[in-house]
Amino acid sequence: MSNDVLGYSSHDWRKNTDDAVVVDDKNKLKVNESRVIFTNPKTLREETVDVSRLIRVFVNNFESQKRSVK
């Protein structure tokens, strides 16, 4: 299935996480349908972040670190 059919634009990171899942001991959740809700320790405000965005940040940071070590 192409990304166009899924409705993802060229800059939408979710196209890279379509087959990713969040798991615990009993369940699997689709990453693109999941969010993390947490209290920001600096502002004490409730925040919501798409799990696909967390993956994007992780990959970008990993690549940055790899380049900076060379």
Protein backbone atom coordinates (compact mmCIF):
# COMPACT_ATOMS: atom_id res chain seq x y z
CA MET A 1 0.00 0.00 0.00
CA SER A 2 1.49 3.34 -0.98
CA ASN A 3 1.83 6.29 1.40
CA ASP A 4 -0.50 8.33 -0.82
CA VAL A 5 -3.27 5.80 -0.27
CA LEU A 6 -2.70 6.01 3.49
CA GLY A 7 -3.07 9.80 3.31
CA TYR A 8 0.40 10.69 4.59
CA SER A 9 2.12 13.75 3.16
CA SER A 10 5.78 13.59 2.21
CA HIS A 11 6.86 15.21 5.51
CA ASP A 12 4.54 13.18 7.76
CA TRP A 13 6.71 10.94 9.95
CA ARG A 14 3.80 8.51 10.53
CA LYS A 15 4.50 7.00 7.11
CA ASN A 16 7.67 5.56 8.68
CA THR A 17 5.90 4.11 11.72
CA ASP A 18 2.83 2.57 10.11
CA ASP A 19 3.88 -0.98 11.05
CA ALA A 20 5.23 -0.09 14.53
CA VAL A 21 3.39 -1.20 17.66
CA VAL A 22 3.50 -0.34 21.36
CA VAL A 23 3.46 -3.47 23.52
CA ASP A 24 3.06 -4.48 27.09
CA ASP A 25 2.74 -8.00 28.51
CA LYS A 26 -0.77 -8.46 27.09
CA ASN A 27 -1.53 -5.95 24.35
CA LYS A 28 -0.28 -4.40 21.13
CA LEU A 29 -1.30 -0.88 20.12
CA LYS A 30 -0.67 0.74 16.75
CA VAL A 31 1.91 3.51 17.17
CA ASN A 32 0.10 5.86 14.80
CA GLU A 33 -3.01 5.57 16.93
CA SER A 34 -1.19 6.07 20.26
CA ARG A 35 -0.20 9.06 22.35
CA VAL A 36 1.70 9.54 25.58
CA ILE A 37 0.09 11.77 28.19
CA PHE A 38 2.38 12.92 30.97
CA THR A 39 3.08 15.75 33.39
CA ASN A 40 5.93 17.92 32.20
CA PRO A 41 8.31 18.10 35.19
CA LYS A 42 9.46 21.61 34.27
CA THR A 43 6.05 23.23 33.82
CA LEU A 44 3.90 20.76 35.81
CA ARG A 45 1.41 20.92 32.93
CA GLU A 46 -0.14 17.89 31.29
CA GLU A 47 1.36 17.23 27.85
CA THR A 48 0.33 14.92 25.03
CA VAL A 49 2.80 13.61 22.44
CA ASP A 50 2.18 11.26 19.50
CA VAL A 51 4.29 8.13 19.87
CA SER A 52 5.33 8.46 16.21
CA ARG A 53 6.87 11.85 17.07
CA LEU A 54 8.85 10.27 19.93
CA ILE A 55 10.24 7.74 17.44
CA ARG A 56 11.17 10.55 15.04
CA VAL A 57 13.02 12.42 17.81
CA PHE A 58 14.80 9.24 18.88
CA VAL A 59 15.96 8.45 15.33
CA ASN A 60 17.07 12.04 14.69
CA ASN A 61 19.00 12.17 17.98
CA PHE A 62 20.60 8.80 17.31
CA GLU A 63 21.76 9.94 13.86
CA SER A 64 23.05 13.25 15.28
CA GLN A 65 25.08 11.46 17.94
CA LYS A 66 26.51 9.06 15.39
CA ARG A 67 27.66 11.95 13.18
CA SER A 68 29.11 13.92 16.09
CA VAL A 69 31.28 11.00 17.23
CA LYS A 70 33.00 10.60 13.85
